[in-house]
Amino acid sequence: KNLYKQIRDSTYLKLNSQLSLIPSIDIWHVHSHQMECFAWYAPNFISGAEQVDEEIIEILWSTIN
């Protein structure tokens, strides 16, 4: 909810005015929200949204651990 405010107030972050952001909640995390959040914020229902490997952190961590 506060992303635009945080960017606006930041010394270092700038947002391209032509960029359109669509709020979403990670598919694993959205299930812990209220059920109505699922239809609005799950990437499954956002046209053009892509999902990356949810295990990427574990994959990267295994090489340095």
N, C-alpha and C. Protein backbone atom coordinates (compact mmCIF):
# COMPACT_ATOMS: atom_id res chain seq x y z
N LYS A 1 0.82 -1.20 0.00
CA LYS A 1 0.00 0.00 0.00
C LYS A 1 0.86 1.26 0.00
N ASN A 2 2.00 1.17 0.60
CA ASN A 2 2.83 2.36 0.78
C ASN A 2 3.97 2.47 -0.22
N LEU A 3 3.98 1.63 -1.25
CA LEU A 3 5.10 1.64 -2.19
C LEU A 3 5.31 3.00 -2.83
N TYR A 4 4.25 3.59 -3.35
CA TYR A 4 4.39 4.89 -4.02
C TYR A 4 4.90 5.96 -3.06
N LYS A 5 4.42 5.95 -1.83
CA LYS A 5 4.88 6.92 -0.83
C LYS A 5 6.35 6.69 -0.50
N GLN A 6 6.74 5.44 -0.34
CA GLN A 6 8.13 5.13 -0.03
C GLN A 6 9.06 5.56 -1.15
N ILE A 7 8.65 5.34 -2.38
CA ILE A 7 9.46 5.77 -3.53
C ILE A 7 9.51 7.28 -3.59
N ARG A 8 8.38 7.93 -3.43
CA ARG A 8 8.33 9.40 -3.47
C ARG A 8 9.21 10.02 -2.39
N ASP A 9 9.21 9.43 -1.21
CA ASP A 9 9.98 9.97 -0.09
C ASP A 9 11.45 9.57 -0.11
N SER A 10 11.82 8.68 -1.01
CA SER A 10 13.19 8.16 -1.04
C SER A 10 14.15 9.12 -1.73
N THR A 11 15.35 9.16 -1.22
CA THR A 11 16.42 9.93 -1.85
C THR A 11 16.95 9.20 -3.07
N TYR A 12 16.89 7.88 -3.05
CA TYR A 12 17.56 7.07 -4.06
C TYR A 12 16.65 6.44 -5.10
N LEU A 13 15.39 6.26 -4.78
CA LEU A 13 14.48 5.58 -5.70
C LEU A 13 13.69 6.57 -6.54
N LYS A 14 13.54 6.25 -7.80
CA LYS A 14 12.71 7.05 -8.71
C LYS A 14 11.85 6.08 -9.52
N LEU A 15 10.64 6.48 -9.81
CA LEU A 15 9.72 5.64 -10.57
C LEU A 15 9.42 6.32 -11.89
N ASN A 16 9.61 5.60 -12.98
CA ASN A 16 9.30 6.12 -14.30
C ASN A 16 7.80 6.41 -14.37
N SER A 17 7.44 7.62 -14.77
CA SER A 17 6.02 8.01 -14.79
C SER A 17 5.20 7.21 -15.81
N GLN A 18 5.87 6.59 -16.77
CA GLN A 18 5.16 5.80 -17.78
C GLN A 18 4.98 4.34 -17.35
N LEU A 19 5.57 3.98 -16.22
CA LEU A 19 5.48 2.62 -15.72
C LEU A 19 4.17 2.43 -14.96
N SER A 20 3.48 1.36 -15.26
CA SER A 20 2.24 1.04 -14.56
C SER A 20 2.47 -0.20 -13.69
N LEU A 21 2.28 -0.04 -12.39
CA LEU A 21 2.46 -1.16 -11.47
C LEU A 21 1.11 -1.75 -11.10
N ILE A 22 1.04 -3.06 -11.09
CA ILE A 22 -0.17 -3.77 -10.69
C ILE A 22 0.15 -4.51 -9.39
N PRO A 23 -0.54 -4.19 -8.30
CA PRO A 23 -0.23 -4.86 -7.04
C PRO A 23 -0.54 -6.35 -7.10
N SER A 24 0.31 -7.12 -6.48
CA SER A 24 0.14 -8.56 -6.45
C SER A 24 0.76 -9.12 -5.17
N ILE A 25 0.34 -10.30 -4.79
CA ILE A 25 0.90 -10.98 -3.63
C ILE A 25 1.42 -12.33 -4.10
N ASP A 26 2.62 -12.67 -3.72
CA ASP A 26 3.22 -13.94 -4.10
C ASP A 26 2.22 -15.08 -3.88
N ILE A 27 2.19 -16.02 -4.80
CA ILE A 27 1.17 -17.07 -4.78
C ILE A 27 1.21 -17.89 -3.49
N TRP A 28 2.39 -18.11 -2.93
CA TRP A 28 2.47 -18.87 -1.68
C TRP A 28 1.95 -18.04 -0.52
N HIS A 29 2.17 -16.75 -0.56
CA HIS A 29 1.78 -15.87 0.53
C HIS A 29 0.30 -15.47 0.47
N VAL A 30 -0.26 -15.38 -0.73
CA VAL A 30 -1.64 -14.90 -0.89
C VAL A 30 -2.63 -15.82 -0.18
N HIS A 31 -2.29 -17.09 -0.05
CA HIS A 31 -3.19 -18.03 0.62
C HIS A 31 -3.32 -17.77 2.11
N SER A 32 -2.37 -17.06 2.69
CA SER A 32 -2.47 -16.75 4.12
C SER A 32 -3.29 -15.48 4.36
N HIS A 33 -3.71 -14.83 3.29
CA HIS A 33 -4.55 -13.64 3.41
C HIS A 33 -6.02 -14.05 3.39
N GLN A 34 -6.89 -13.08 3.49
CA GLN A 34 -8.32 -13.37 3.40
C GLN A 34 -8.62 -13.93 2.01
N MET A 35 -9.62 -14.76 1.91
CA MET A 35 -9.94 -15.42 0.65
C MET A 35 -10.19 -14.43 -0.49
N GLU A 36 -10.79 -13.27 -0.18
CA GLU A 36 -11.06 -12.31 -1.26
C GLU A 36 -9.77 -11.71 -1.84
N CYS A 37 -8.67 -11.79 -1.11
CA CYS A 37 -7.38 -11.30 -1.64
C CYS A 37 -6.92 -12.16 -2.81
N PHE A 38 -7.26 -13.45 -2.77
CA PHE A 38 -6.77 -14.38 -3.79
C PHE A 38 -7.16 -13.94 -5.19
N ALA A 39 -8.42 -13.67 -5.41
CA ALA A 39 -8.89 -13.29 -6.75
C ALA A 39 -8.33 -11.95 -7.21
N TRP A 40 -8.08 -11.04 -6.27
CA TRP A 40 -7.59 -9.71 -6.64
C TRP A 40 -6.07 -9.64 -6.81
N TYR A 41 -5.35 -10.38 -5.98
CA TYR A 41 -3.90 -10.18 -5.92
C TYR A 41 -3.04 -11.37 -6.33
N ALA A 42 -3.63 -12.53 -6.56
CA ALA A 42 -2.83 -13.69 -6.98
C ALA A 42 -2.33 -13.47 -8.40
N PRO A 43 -1.05 -13.71 -8.66
CA PRO A 43 -0.50 -13.50 -10.00
C PRO A 43 -1.17 -14.37 -11.06
N ASN A 44 -1.83 -15.44 -10.64
CA ASN A 44 -2.52 -16.32 -11.59
C ASN A 44 -3.57 -15.58 -12.40
N PHE A 45 -4.14 -14.53 -11.83
CA PHE A 45 -5.25 -13.82 -12.47
C PHE A 45 -4.86 -12.46 -13.04
N ILE A 46 -3.58 -12.15 -13.05
CA ILE A 46 -3.12 -10.86 -13.56
C ILE A 46 -2.53 -11.08 -14.95
N SER A 47 -3.17 -10.51 -15.94
CA SER A 47 -2.74 -10.68 -17.32
C SER A 47 -1.31 -10.18 -17.49
N GLY A 48 -0.47 -11.03 -18.06
CA GLY A 48 0.92 -10.65 -18.30
C GLY A 48 1.86 -10.94 -17.15
N ALA A 49 1.32 -11.32 -15.99
CA ALA A 49 2.18 -11.61 -14.84
C ALA A 49 2.89 -12.94 -15.07
N GLU A 50 4.12 -12.99 -14.63
CA GLU A 50 4.88 -14.23 -14.74
C GLU A 50 5.35 -14.65 -13.36
N GLN A 51 5.48 -15.94 -13.18
CA GLN A 51 5.97 -16.46 -11.92
C GLN A 51 7.35 -17.06 -12.15
N VAL A 52 8.24 -16.81 -11.21
CA VAL A 52 9.56 -17.41 -11.26
C VAL A 52 9.63 -18.52 -10.23
N ASP A 53 10.68 -19.27 -10.29
CA ASP A 53 10.88 -20.38 -9.37
C ASP A 53 10.79 -19.90 -7.93
N GLU A 54 9.85 -20.44 -7.18
CA GLU A 54 9.65 -20.04 -5.78
C GLU A 54 10.80 -20.49 -4.89
N GLU A 55 11.61 -21.42 -5.37
CA GLU A 55 12.67 -21.98 -4.55
C GLU A 55 14.02 -21.34 -4.86
N ILE A 56 14.04 -20.24 -5.57
CA ILE A 56 15.30 -19.65 -6.02
C ILE A 56 16.24 -19.33 -4.86
N ILE A 57 15.71 -18.87 -3.74
CA ILE A 57 16.57 -18.55 -2.59
C ILE A 57 17.27 -19.81 -2.10
N GLU A 58 16.54 -20.92 -2.00
CA GLU A 58 17.15 -22.17 -1.55
C GLU A 58 18.20 -22.65 -2.54
N ILE A 59 17.94 -22.49 -3.82
CA ILE A 59 18.89 -22.91 -4.85
C ILE A 59 20.18 -22.09 -4.73
N LEU A 60 20.05 -20.78 -4.60
CA LEU A 60 21.22 -19.93 -4.47
C LEU A 60 21.96 -20.19 -3.17
N TRP A 61 21.22 -20.40 -2.10
CA TRP A 61 21.81 -20.62 -0.78
C TRP A 61 22.63 -21.92 -0.77
N SER A 62 22.16 -22.94 -1.46
CA SER A 62 22.84 -24.23 -1.41
C SER A 62 24.26 -24.16 -1.97
N THR A 63 24.52 -23.26 -2.89
CA THR A 63 25.86 -23.16 -3.47
C THR A 63 26.86 -22.49 -2.54
N ILE A 64 26.38 -21.68 -1.61
CA ILE A 64 27.31 -21.01 -0.70
C ILE A 64 27.29 -21.59 0.70
N ASN A 65 26.40 -22.52 0.94
CA ASN A 65 26.28 -23.10 2.28
C ASN A 65 27.14 -24.34 2.39
